[in-house]
């Protein structure tokens, strides 16, 4: 939980700086943070290095600067990464990028969600479902699809912090609870 609070604070600080400079800068900062986070995601040994307390802040800063140089980011993002390294928070870069993206999505009116079905559905059906959900919520929706045989049937839809569980597993669980209570 602490990591989430800390990453949100850092993301919020950079987000506010971007907002003061303009919408284009704000979006650019987010894109650059995501690019850096993806670079670190492709190199788990780098994240392990940043988490390792036996390396000094200067060593971590030097490595992070090399990564930042390859990504060719804005000077503000470079300074932000230097601050993270100085404060021993370089390993939080992916979480900060994720929090920043959430903030950008809120400003842009984009909702993120996940639809879980018992089996994979076709691309055509995915497009239909996404279009219908966008029509119902009145906002642009970034929807990921996954399959989980454990739900037995039906769907589980998660959009933002809301969950609609219309799975067979959930319905059976409700029925079981009702039987236990004697209803």
N, C-alpha and C. Protein backbone atom coordinates (compact mmCIF):
# COMPACT_ATOMS: atom_id res chain seq x y z
N UNK A 1 0.82 -1.20 0.00
CA UNK A 1 0.00 0.00 0.00
C UNK A 1 0.86 1.26 0.00
N UNK A 2 1.95 1.24 0.74
CA UNK A 2 2.83 2.40 0.81
C UNK A 2 3.38 2.73 -0.56
N UNK A 3 3.77 1.72 -1.31
CA UNK A 3 4.29 1.95 -2.65
C UNK A 3 3.28 2.66 -3.53
N UNK A 4 2.01 2.30 -3.40
CA UNK A 4 0.98 2.94 -4.19
C UNK A 4 0.84 4.42 -3.84
N UNK A 5 0.87 4.73 -2.56
CA UNK A 5 0.74 6.11 -2.11
C UNK A 5 1.93 6.93 -2.60
N UNK A 6 3.12 6.38 -2.46
CA UNK A 6 4.34 7.09 -2.87
C UNK A 6 4.36 7.28 -4.38
N UNK A 7 4.06 6.23 -5.13
CA UNK A 7 4.08 6.37 -6.59
C UNK A 7 3.04 7.37 -7.06
N UNK A 8 1.87 7.37 -6.42
CA UNK A 8 0.83 8.33 -6.79
C UNK A 8 1.28 9.77 -6.52
N UNK A 9 1.98 9.97 -5.42
CA UNK A 9 2.46 11.32 -5.10
C UNK A 9 3.47 11.81 -6.13
N UNK A 10 4.40 10.95 -6.50
CA UNK A 10 5.38 11.34 -7.52
C UNK A 10 4.69 11.60 -8.86
N UNK A 11 3.77 10.71 -9.22
CA UNK A 11 3.04 10.88 -10.49
C UNK A 11 2.24 12.18 -10.48
N UNK A 12 1.60 12.45 -9.35
CA UNK A 12 0.79 13.66 -9.23
C UNK A 12 1.65 14.91 -9.35
N UNK A 13 2.86 14.87 -8.78
CA UNK A 13 3.76 16.03 -8.86
C UNK A 13 4.16 16.30 -10.31
N UNK A 14 4.59 15.27 -11.04
CA UNK A 14 4.97 15.45 -12.44
C UNK A 14 3.75 15.84 -13.28
N UNK A 15 2.61 15.28 -12.95
CA UNK A 15 1.37 15.59 -13.66
C UNK A 15 1.03 17.07 -13.51
N UNK A 16 1.21 17.61 -12.30
CA UNK A 16 0.92 19.02 -12.05
C UNK A 16 1.89 19.92 -12.82
N UNK A 17 3.15 19.52 -12.88
CA UNK A 17 4.13 20.29 -13.64
C UNK A 17 3.76 20.29 -15.12
N UNK A 18 3.37 19.11 -15.62
CA UNK A 18 2.95 19.01 -17.01
C UNK A 18 1.72 19.86 -17.30
N UNK A 19 0.78 19.87 -16.36
CA UNK A 19 -0.45 20.65 -16.54
C UNK A 19 -0.12 22.14 -16.61
N UNK A 20 0.85 22.58 -15.80
CA UNK A 20 1.25 23.99 -15.81
C UNK A 20 1.90 24.37 -17.13
N UNK A 21 2.58 23.42 -17.76
CA UNK A 21 3.27 23.70 -19.03
C UNK A 21 2.34 23.56 -20.23
N UNK A 22 1.23 22.84 -20.07
CA UNK A 22 0.30 22.68 -21.18
C UNK A 22 -0.04 21.22 -21.41
N UNK A 23 -1.15 21.02 -22.09
CA UNK A 23 -1.67 19.67 -22.32
C UNK A 23 -0.71 18.80 -23.13
N UNK A 24 -0.06 19.41 -24.13
CA UNK A 24 0.87 18.65 -24.98
C UNK A 24 2.06 18.16 -24.16
N UNK A 25 2.60 19.03 -23.31
CA UNK A 25 3.73 18.64 -22.46
C UNK A 25 3.31 17.55 -21.48
N UNK A 26 2.14 17.72 -20.93
CA UNK A 26 1.62 16.75 -19.96
C UNK A 26 1.52 15.36 -20.59
N UNK A 27 0.99 15.30 -21.79
CA UNK A 27 0.87 14.03 -22.49
C UNK A 27 2.24 13.46 -22.84
N UNK A 28 3.16 14.35 -23.26
CA UNK A 28 4.51 13.91 -23.61
C UNK A 28 5.22 13.30 -22.41
N UNK A 29 5.06 13.93 -21.25
CA UNK A 29 5.68 13.38 -20.03
C UNK A 29 5.16 11.97 -19.75
N UNK A 30 3.86 11.80 -19.89
CA UNK A 30 3.26 10.49 -19.65
C UNK A 30 3.76 9.45 -20.64
N UNK A 31 3.84 9.82 -21.91
CA UNK A 31 4.33 8.90 -22.93
C UNK A 31 5.78 8.50 -22.66
N UNK A 32 6.57 9.49 -22.26
CA UNK A 32 7.99 9.21 -21.98
C UNK A 32 8.15 8.33 -20.74
N UNK A 33 7.33 8.58 -19.72
CA UNK A 33 7.38 7.72 -18.53
C UNK A 33 7.01 6.29 -18.87
N UNK A 34 5.99 6.13 -19.70
CA UNK A 34 5.57 4.79 -20.10
C UNK A 34 6.67 4.09 -20.91
N UNK A 35 7.35 4.85 -21.76
CA UNK A 35 8.45 4.29 -22.55
C UNK A 35 9.58 3.81 -21.63
N UNK A 36 9.91 4.62 -20.64
CA UNK A 36 10.94 4.23 -19.67
C UNK A 36 10.51 3.01 -18.87
N UNK A 37 9.25 2.98 -18.46
CA UNK A 37 8.74 1.84 -17.69
C UNK A 37 8.77 0.57 -18.53
N UNK A 38 8.45 0.68 -19.82
CA UNK A 38 8.51 -0.49 -20.70
C UNK A 38 9.95 -0.97 -20.85
N UNK A 39 10.89 -0.03 -20.93
CA UNK A 39 12.31 -0.40 -21.02
C UNK A 39 12.74 -1.17 -19.79
N UNK A 40 12.31 -0.70 -18.63
CA UNK A 40 12.64 -1.41 -17.39
C UNK A 40 11.91 -2.74 -17.30
N UNK A 41 10.70 -2.80 -17.84
CA UNK A 41 9.95 -4.05 -17.84
C UNK A 41 10.61 -5.13 -18.68
N UNK A 42 11.29 -4.69 -19.75
CA UNK A 42 11.98 -5.64 -20.62
C UNK A 42 13.29 -6.11 -20.01
N UNK A 43 13.75 -5.40 -18.98
CA UNK A 43 15.02 -5.75 -18.33
C UNK A 43 14.80 -5.90 -16.82
N UNK A 44 14.26 -7.06 -16.41
CA UNK A 44 13.98 -7.24 -14.98
C UNK A 44 15.23 -7.14 -14.10
N UNK A 45 16.40 -7.41 -14.70
CA UNK A 45 17.63 -7.28 -13.93
C UNK A 45 17.89 -5.82 -13.54
N UNK A 46 17.42 -4.88 -14.36
CA UNK A 46 17.57 -3.46 -14.02
C UNK A 46 16.71 -3.11 -12.81
N UNK A 47 15.49 -3.61 -12.79
CA UNK A 47 14.63 -3.37 -11.63
C UNK A 47 15.23 -4.00 -10.37
N UNK A 48 15.77 -5.18 -10.52
CA UNK A 48 16.42 -5.84 -9.38
C UNK A 48 17.61 -5.01 -8.90
N UNK A 49 18.35 -4.43 -9.83
CA UNK A 49 19.48 -3.57 -9.49
C UNK A 49 19.00 -2.37 -8.67
N UNK A 50 17.91 -1.72 -9.12
CA UNK A 50 17.41 -0.54 -8.42
C UNK A 50 16.87 -0.88 -7.03
N UNK A 51 16.38 -2.09 -6.85
CA UNK A 51 15.85 -2.52 -5.55
C UNK A 51 16.95 -2.94 -4.59
N UNK A 52 18.13 -3.24 -5.11
CA UNK A 52 19.23 -3.77 -4.31
C UNK A 52 19.84 -2.65 -3.45
N UNK A 53 19.76 -2.77 -2.12
CA UNK A 53 20.28 -1.71 -1.26
C UNK A 53 21.81 -1.65 -1.20
N UNK A 54 22.50 -2.65 -1.73
CA UNK A 54 23.97 -2.64 -1.65
C UNK A 54 24.60 -1.67 -2.66
N UNK A 55 23.81 -1.17 -3.61
CA UNK A 55 24.32 -0.18 -4.56
C UNK A 55 23.96 1.21 -4.07
N UNK A 56 24.88 2.15 -4.26
CA UNK A 56 24.66 3.53 -3.80
C UNK A 56 23.69 4.26 -4.73
N UNK A 57 23.20 5.38 -4.22
CA UNK A 57 22.28 6.21 -5.01
C UNK A 57 22.98 6.73 -6.26
N UNK A 58 24.29 7.02 -6.15
CA UNK A 58 25.03 7.52 -7.30
C UNK A 58 25.13 6.45 -8.39
N UNK A 59 25.36 5.20 -7.98
CA UNK A 59 25.45 4.11 -8.96
C UNK A 59 24.10 3.89 -9.66
N UNK A 60 23.04 3.94 -8.87
CA UNK A 60 21.71 3.78 -9.44
C UNK A 60 21.37 4.94 -10.37
N UNK A 61 21.79 6.13 -9.97
CA UNK A 61 21.53 7.31 -10.79
C UNK A 61 22.27 7.20 -12.13
N UNK A 62 23.49 6.71 -12.10
CA UNK A 62 24.28 6.56 -13.33
C UNK A 62 23.61 5.57 -14.28
N UNK A 63 23.13 4.46 -13.74
CA UNK A 63 22.46 3.46 -14.59
C UNK A 63 21.16 4.03 -15.14
N UNK A 64 20.40 4.70 -14.29
CA UNK A 64 19.14 5.28 -14.74
C UNK A 64 19.39 6.34 -15.81
N UNK A 65 20.45 7.11 -15.65
CA UNK A 65 20.79 8.13 -16.66
C UNK A 65 21.10 7.50 -18.00
N UNK A 66 21.77 6.35 -18.00
CA UNK A 66 22.06 5.64 -19.26
C UNK A 66 20.76 5.21 -19.94
N UNK A 67 19.83 4.71 -19.15
CA UNK A 67 18.54 4.28 -19.70
C UNK A 67 17.78 5.48 -20.25
N UNK A 68 17.81 6.58 -19.51
CA UNK A 68 17.12 7.80 -19.92
C UNK A 68 17.73 8.37 -21.20
N UNK A 69 19.06 8.31 -21.31
CA UNK A 69 19.74 8.81 -22.52
C UNK A 69 19.31 8.04 -23.75
N UNK A 70 19.18 6.73 -23.62
CA UNK A 70 18.76 5.91 -24.77
C UNK A 70 17.33 6.22 -25.18
N UNK A 71 16.50 6.61 -24.22
CA UNK A 71 15.10 6.91 -24.51
C UNK A 71 14.93 8.33 -25.05
N UNK A 72 15.93 9.17 -24.90
CA UNK A 72 15.89 10.58 -25.33
C UNK A 72 14.60 11.27 -24.89
N UNK A 73 14.54 11.55 -23.60
CA UNK A 73 13.34 12.15 -23.02
C UNK A 73 13.54 13.64 -22.78
N UNK A 74 12.46 14.31 -22.47
CA UNK A 74 12.42 15.73 -22.15
C UNK A 74 13.31 16.01 -20.93
N UNK A 75 13.95 17.18 -20.86
CA UNK A 75 14.78 17.50 -19.69
C UNK A 75 14.02 17.41 -18.36
N UNK A 76 12.74 17.75 -18.38
CA UNK A 76 11.95 17.67 -17.14
C UNK A 76 11.83 16.22 -16.68
N UNK A 77 11.60 15.31 -17.59
CA UNK A 77 11.49 13.89 -17.24
C UNK A 77 12.87 13.38 -16.79
N UNK A 78 13.92 13.85 -17.43
CA UNK A 78 15.28 13.48 -17.02
C UNK A 78 15.53 13.92 -15.58
N UNK A 79 15.16 15.17 -15.26
CA UNK A 79 15.33 15.68 -13.89
C UNK A 79 14.48 14.90 -12.90
N UNK A 80 13.28 14.54 -13.34
CA UNK A 80 12.38 13.74 -12.50
C UNK A 80 13.03 12.39 -12.18
N UNK A 81 13.62 11.77 -13.17
CA UNK A 81 14.29 10.47 -12.96
C UNK A 81 15.50 10.63 -12.05
N UNK A 82 16.23 11.75 -12.19
CA UNK A 82 17.34 12.02 -11.28
C UNK A 82 16.84 12.13 -9.84
N UNK A 83 15.72 12.81 -9.67
CA UNK A 83 15.13 12.94 -8.33
C UNK A 83 14.77 11.57 -7.76
N UNK A 84 14.16 10.73 -8.60
CA UNK A 84 13.81 9.38 -8.15
C UNK A 84 15.05 8.62 -7.70
N UNK A 85 16.11 8.72 -8.47
CA UNK A 85 17.36 8.02 -8.11
C UNK A 85 17.94 8.58 -6.82
N UNK A 86 17.93 9.91 -6.68
CA UNK A 86 18.46 10.54 -5.47
C UNK A 86 17.69 10.12 -4.23
N UNK A 87 16.39 9.95 -4.38
CA UNK A 87 15.54 9.58 -3.25
C UNK A 87 15.43 8.06 -3.05
N UNK A 88 16.14 7.29 -3.88
CA UNK A 88 16.08 5.83 -3.76
C UNK A 88 14.76 5.25 -4.21
N UNK A 89 14.13 5.87 -5.18
CA UNK A 89 12.81 5.44 -5.66
C UNK A 89 12.82 5.03 -7.12
N UNK A 90 13.98 4.78 -7.69
CA UNK A 90 14.07 4.45 -9.12
C UNK A 90 13.27 3.21 -9.48
N UNK A 91 13.19 2.25 -8.57
CA UNK A 91 12.45 1.03 -8.85
C UNK A 91 10.95 1.26 -8.97
N UNK A 92 10.50 2.44 -8.53
CA UNK A 92 9.06 2.75 -8.58
C UNK A 92 8.64 3.35 -9.92
N UNK A 93 9.57 3.52 -10.83
CA UNK A 93 9.26 4.16 -12.11
C UNK A 93 8.08 3.50 -12.84
N UNK A 94 8.00 2.16 -12.93
CA UNK A 94 6.83 1.56 -13.59
C UNK A 94 5.51 1.89 -12.89
N UNK A 95 5.50 1.88 -11.57
CA UNK A 95 4.27 2.20 -10.82
C UNK A 95 3.90 3.67 -11.01
N UNK A 96 4.90 4.54 -11.04
CA UNK A 96 4.64 5.97 -11.24
C UNK A 96 4.08 6.19 -12.64
N UNK A 97 4.65 5.52 -13.63
CA UNK A 97 4.16 5.65 -15.01
C UNK A 97 2.72 5.17 -15.11
N UNK A 98 2.41 4.09 -14.43
CA UNK A 98 1.05 3.56 -14.43
C UNK A 98 0.07 4.55 -13.78
N UNK A 99 0.46 5.12 -12.65
CA UNK A 99 -0.39 6.10 -11.98
C UNK A 99 -0.57 7.35 -12.84
N UNK A 100 0.48 7.76 -13.52
CA UNK A 100 0.41 8.92 -14.41
C UNK A 100 -0.58 8.65 -15.54
N UNK A 101 -0.53 7.44 -16.09
CA UNK A 101 -1.44 7.08 -17.18
C UNK A 101 -2.89 7.13 -16.71
N UNK A 102 -3.14 6.66 -15.50
CA UNK A 102 -4.49 6.71 -14.94
C UNK A 102 -4.97 8.16 -14.86
N UNK A 103 -4.09 9.05 -14.41
CA UNK A 103 -4.45 10.47 -14.31
C UNK A 103 -4.73 11.05 -15.70
N UNK A 104 -3.92 10.69 -16.69
CA UNK A 104 -4.14 11.17 -18.05
C UNK A 104 -5.47 10.64 -18.60
N UNK A 105 -5.77 9.39 -18.30
CA UNK A 105 -7.03 8.81 -18.77
C UNK A 105 -8.23 9.54 -18.18
N UNK A 106 -8.13 9.92 -16.91
CA UNK A 106 -9.23 10.65 -16.26
C UNK A 106 -9.43 11.99 -16.96
N UNK A 107 -8.34 12.70 -17.22
CA UNK A 107 -8.42 13.99 -17.88
C UNK A 107 -8.98 13.84 -19.30
N UNK A 108 -8.59 12.77 -19.99
CA UNK A 108 -9.02 12.54 -21.37
C UNK A 108 -10.40 11.92 -21.46
N UNK A 109 -10.97 11.52 -20.33
CA UNK A 109 -12.29 10.88 -20.36
C UNK A 109 -12.24 9.44 -20.84
N UNK A 110 -11.12 8.77 -20.61
CA UNK A 110 -10.97 7.38 -21.03
C UNK A 110 -11.11 6.47 -19.81
N UNK A 111 -11.91 5.45 -19.95
CA UNK A 111 -12.06 4.44 -18.90
C UNK A 111 -11.29 3.20 -19.31
N UNK A 112 -10.68 2.54 -18.35
CA UNK A 112 -10.02 1.26 -18.64
C UNK A 112 -10.82 0.16 -17.98
N UNK A 113 -10.83 -0.98 -18.63
CA UNK A 113 -11.60 -2.09 -18.10
C UNK A 113 -11.11 -3.42 -18.60
N UNK A 114 -11.71 -4.46 -18.04
CA UNK A 114 -11.37 -5.83 -18.43
C UNK A 114 -12.66 -6.64 -18.49
N UNK A 115 -12.77 -7.43 -19.53
CA UNK A 115 -13.90 -8.33 -19.68
C UNK A 115 -13.37 -9.76 -19.65
N UNK A 116 -13.86 -10.52 -18.69
CA UNK A 116 -13.43 -11.91 -18.54
C UNK A 116 -14.58 -12.80 -18.96
N UNK A 117 -14.29 -13.70 -19.88
CA UNK A 117 -15.27 -14.69 -20.32
C UNK A 117 -14.69 -16.08 -20.09
N UNK A 118 -15.53 -17.09 -20.23
CA UNK A 118 -15.06 -18.45 -20.00
C UNK A 118 -14.13 -18.94 -21.11
N UNK A 119 -14.32 -18.40 -22.33
CA UNK A 119 -13.45 -18.76 -23.45
C UNK A 119 -13.18 -17.51 -24.29
N UNK A 120 -12.16 -17.56 -25.11
CA UNK A 120 -11.82 -16.42 -25.95
C UNK A 120 -12.97 -16.10 -26.91
N UNK A 121 -13.15 -14.81 -27.18
CA UNK A 121 -14.17 -14.39 -28.14
C UNK A 121 -13.46 -13.76 -29.35
N UNK A 122 -14.14 -13.78 -30.48
CA UNK A 122 -13.55 -13.30 -31.74
C UNK A 122 -13.32 -11.80 -31.70
N UNK A 123 -12.44 -11.33 -32.58
CA UNK A 123 -12.15 -9.89 -32.68
C UNK A 123 -13.41 -9.10 -33.05
N UNK A 124 -14.22 -9.68 -33.93
CA UNK A 124 -15.45 -9.01 -34.34
C UNK A 124 -16.38 -8.81 -33.14
N UNK A 125 -16.52 -9.86 -32.34
CA UNK A 125 -17.38 -9.79 -31.15
C UNK A 125 -16.81 -8.82 -30.12
N UNK A 126 -15.48 -8.80 -29.99
CA UNK A 126 -14.83 -7.88 -29.07
C UNK A 126 -15.14 -6.44 -29.45
N UNK A 127 -15.06 -6.13 -30.74
CA UNK A 127 -15.35 -4.78 -31.22
C UNK A 127 -16.81 -4.41 -30.95
N UNK A 128 -17.73 -5.37 -31.14
CA UNK A 128 -19.15 -5.11 -30.88
C UNK A 128 -19.38 -4.83 -29.40
N UNK A 129 -18.78 -5.64 -28.54
CA UNK A 129 -18.95 -5.47 -27.09
C UNK A 129 -18.39 -4.12 -26.65
N UNK A 130 -17.20 -3.79 -27.15
CA UNK A 130 -16.56 -2.53 -26.78
C UNK A 130 -17.41 -1.35 -27.22
N UNK A 131 -17.90 -1.39 -28.45
CA UNK A 131 -18.73 -0.30 -28.98
C UNK A 131 -20.00 -0.13 -28.15
N UNK A 132 -20.61 -1.24 -27.77
CA UNK A 132 -21.84 -1.18 -26.99
C UNK A 132 -21.59 -0.61 -25.59
N UNK A 133 -20.49 -1.04 -24.98
CA UNK A 133 -20.16 -0.54 -23.64
C UNK A 133 -19.80 0.95 -23.69
N UNK A 134 -19.09 1.38 -24.74
CA UNK A 134 -18.77 2.80 -24.89
C UNK A 134 -20.05 3.62 -25.04
N UNK A 135 -21.02 3.07 -25.77
CA UNK A 135 -22.30 3.75 -25.93
C UNK A 135 -23.05 3.87 -24.61
N UNK A 136 -22.97 2.83 -23.79
CA UNK A 136 -23.67 2.85 -22.51
C UNK A 136 -23.03 3.79 -21.49
N UNK A 137 -21.71 3.82 -21.48
CA UNK A 137 -21.06 4.68 -20.47
C UNK A 137 -20.77 6.08 -21.00
N UNK A 138 -20.86 6.29 -22.30
CA UNK A 138 -20.68 7.61 -22.88
C UNK A 138 -19.24 8.10 -22.88
N UNK A 139 -18.29 7.20 -22.71
CA UNK A 139 -16.88 7.56 -22.72
C UNK A 139 -16.10 6.57 -23.55
N UNK A 140 -14.89 6.97 -23.93
CA UNK A 140 -13.99 6.06 -24.64
C UNK A 140 -13.53 5.00 -23.64
N UNK A 141 -13.42 3.79 -24.12
CA UNK A 141 -13.09 2.66 -23.25
C UNK A 141 -11.90 1.90 -23.79
N UNK A 142 -10.91 1.70 -22.95
CA UNK A 142 -9.79 0.82 -23.28
C UNK A 142 -10.08 -0.50 -22.57
N UNK A 143 -10.45 -1.49 -23.34
CA UNK A 143 -10.92 -2.75 -22.78
C UNK A 143 -9.97 -3.88 -23.13
N UNK A 144 -9.57 -4.63 -22.12
CA UNK A 144 -8.77 -5.83 -22.35
C UNK A 144 -9.69 -7.03 -22.16
N UNK A 145 -9.39 -8.06 -22.90
CA UNK A 145 -10.21 -9.27 -22.85
C UNK A 145 -9.35 -10.42 -22.36
N UNK A 146 -9.95 -11.26 -21.53
CA UNK A 146 -9.24 -12.46 -21.07
C UNK A 146 -10.24 -13.59 -20.89
N UNK A 147 -9.71 -14.79 -20.83
CA UNK A 147 -10.54 -15.98 -20.63
C UNK A 147 -10.13 -16.65 -19.33
N UNK A 148 -11.14 -17.12 -18.59
CA UNK A 148 -10.90 -17.80 -17.33
C UNK A 148 -11.96 -18.89 -17.17
N UNK A 149 -11.53 -20.12 -17.28
CA UNK A 149 -12.48 -21.24 -17.18
C UNK A 149 -13.07 -21.37 -15.78
N UNK A 150 -12.43 -20.77 -14.79
CA UNK A 150 -12.90 -20.86 -13.41
C UNK A 150 -14.25 -20.16 -13.19
N UNK A 151 -14.63 -19.22 -14.08
CA UNK A 151 -15.92 -18.54 -13.88
C UNK A 151 -17.08 -19.41 -14.34
N UNK A 152 -16.80 -20.52 -15.01
CA UNK A 152 -17.77 -21.54 -15.44
C UNK A 152 -18.71 -21.11 -16.56
N UNK A 153 -19.03 -19.83 -16.65
CA UNK A 153 -19.92 -19.31 -17.68
C UNK A 153 -20.24 -17.86 -17.36
N UNK A 154 -20.86 -17.17 -18.30
CA UNK A 154 -21.18 -15.77 -18.08
C UNK A 154 -19.97 -14.87 -18.30
N UNK A 155 -20.01 -13.68 -17.66
CA UNK A 155 -18.92 -12.73 -17.80
C UNK A 155 -18.62 -12.06 -16.47
N UNK A 156 -17.42 -11.49 -16.39
CA UNK A 156 -17.04 -10.59 -15.31
C UNK A 156 -16.50 -9.34 -15.98
N UNK A 157 -17.12 -8.19 -15.71
CA UNK A 157 -16.73 -6.93 -16.32
C UNK A 157 -16.22 -6.00 -15.23
N UNK A 158 -14.99 -5.53 -15.41
CA UNK A 158 -14.38 -4.58 -14.47
C UNK A 158 -14.10 -3.31 -15.24
N UNK A 159 -14.71 -2.22 -14.84
CA UNK A 159 -14.45 -0.92 -15.45
C UNK A 159 -14.16 0.05 -14.32
N UNK A 160 -12.94 0.58 -14.35
CA UNK A 160 -12.53 1.46 -13.27
C UNK A 160 -12.51 0.68 -11.97
N UNK A 161 -13.22 1.18 -10.97
CA UNK A 161 -13.28 0.49 -9.69
C UNK A 161 -14.59 -0.28 -9.50
N UNK A 162 -15.34 -0.42 -10.58
CA UNK A 162 -16.62 -1.14 -10.51
C UNK A 162 -16.48 -2.53 -11.13
N UNK A 163 -17.13 -3.50 -10.52
CA UNK A 163 -17.10 -4.88 -11.01
C UNK A 163 -18.53 -5.38 -11.15
N UNK A 164 -18.84 -5.91 -12.34
CA UNK A 164 -20.12 -6.56 -12.54
C UNK A 164 -19.82 -8.04 -12.76
N UNK A 165 -20.17 -8.83 -11.79
CA UNK A 165 -19.89 -10.27 -11.85
C UNK A 165 -21.16 -11.01 -12.21
N UNK A 166 -21.32 -11.33 -13.50
CA UNK A 166 -22.47 -12.09 -13.97
C UNK A 166 -22.00 -13.48 -14.38
N UNK A 167 -21.06 -14.01 -13.60
CA UNK A 167 -20.54 -15.34 -13.91
C UNK A 167 -21.40 -16.40 -13.25
N UNK A 168 -21.36 -17.57 -13.82
CA UNK A 168 -22.07 -18.71 -13.25
C UNK A 168 -21.52 -19.04 -11.88
N UNK A 169 -20.22 -18.91 -11.71
CA UNK A 169 -19.58 -19.18 -10.43
C UNK A 169 -20.16 -18.28 -9.33
N UNK A 170 -20.32 -16.99 -9.63
CA UNK A 170 -20.87 -16.04 -8.65
C UNK A 170 -22.32 -16.36 -8.33
N UNK A 171 -23.08 -16.71 -9.36
CA UNK A 171 -24.49 -17.03 -9.14
C UNK A 171 -24.63 -18.29 -8.30
N UNK A 172 -23.77 -19.27 -8.54
CA UNK A 172 -23.80 -20.49 -7.71
C UNK A 172 -23.42 -20.19 -6.27
N UNK A 173 -22.47 -19.27 -6.09
CA UNK A 173 -22.06 -18.87 -4.74
C UNK A 173 -23.21 -18.19 -4.01
N UNK A 174 -23.95 -17.34 -4.70
CA UNK A 174 -25.11 -16.67 -4.11
C UNK A 174 -26.16 -17.70 -3.72
N UNK A 175 -26.42 -18.65 -4.62
CA UNK A 175 -27.38 -19.71 -4.35
C UNK A 175 -26.96 -20.52 -3.12
N UNK A 176 -25.69 -20.83 -3.03
CA UNK A 176 -25.15 -21.58 -1.88
C UNK A 176 -25.37 -20.82 -0.58
N UNK A 177 -25.12 -19.52 -0.60
CA UNK A 177 -25.30 -18.70 0.60
C UNK A 177 -26.78 -18.65 0.98
N UNK A 178 -27.67 -18.53 0.00
CA UNK A 178 -29.10 -18.52 0.28
C UNK A 178 -29.57 -19.83 0.90
N UNK A 179 -29.04 -20.94 0.40
CA UNK A 179 -29.39 -22.25 0.95
C UNK A 179 -28.92 -22.36 2.40
N UNK A 180 -27.72 -21.88 2.67
CA UNK A 180 -27.17 -21.93 4.03
C UNK A 180 -28.04 -21.13 5.00
N UNK A 181 -28.57 -19.99 4.53
CA UNK A 181 -29.40 -19.14 5.38
C UNK A 181 -30.83 -19.64 5.45
N UNK A 182 -31.16 -20.63 4.65
CA UNK A 182 -32.50 -21.20 4.67
C UNK A 182 -33.52 -20.40 3.90
N UNK A 183 -33.08 -19.66 2.93
CA UNK A 183 -34.02 -18.86 2.13
C UNK A 183 -34.56 -19.64 0.97
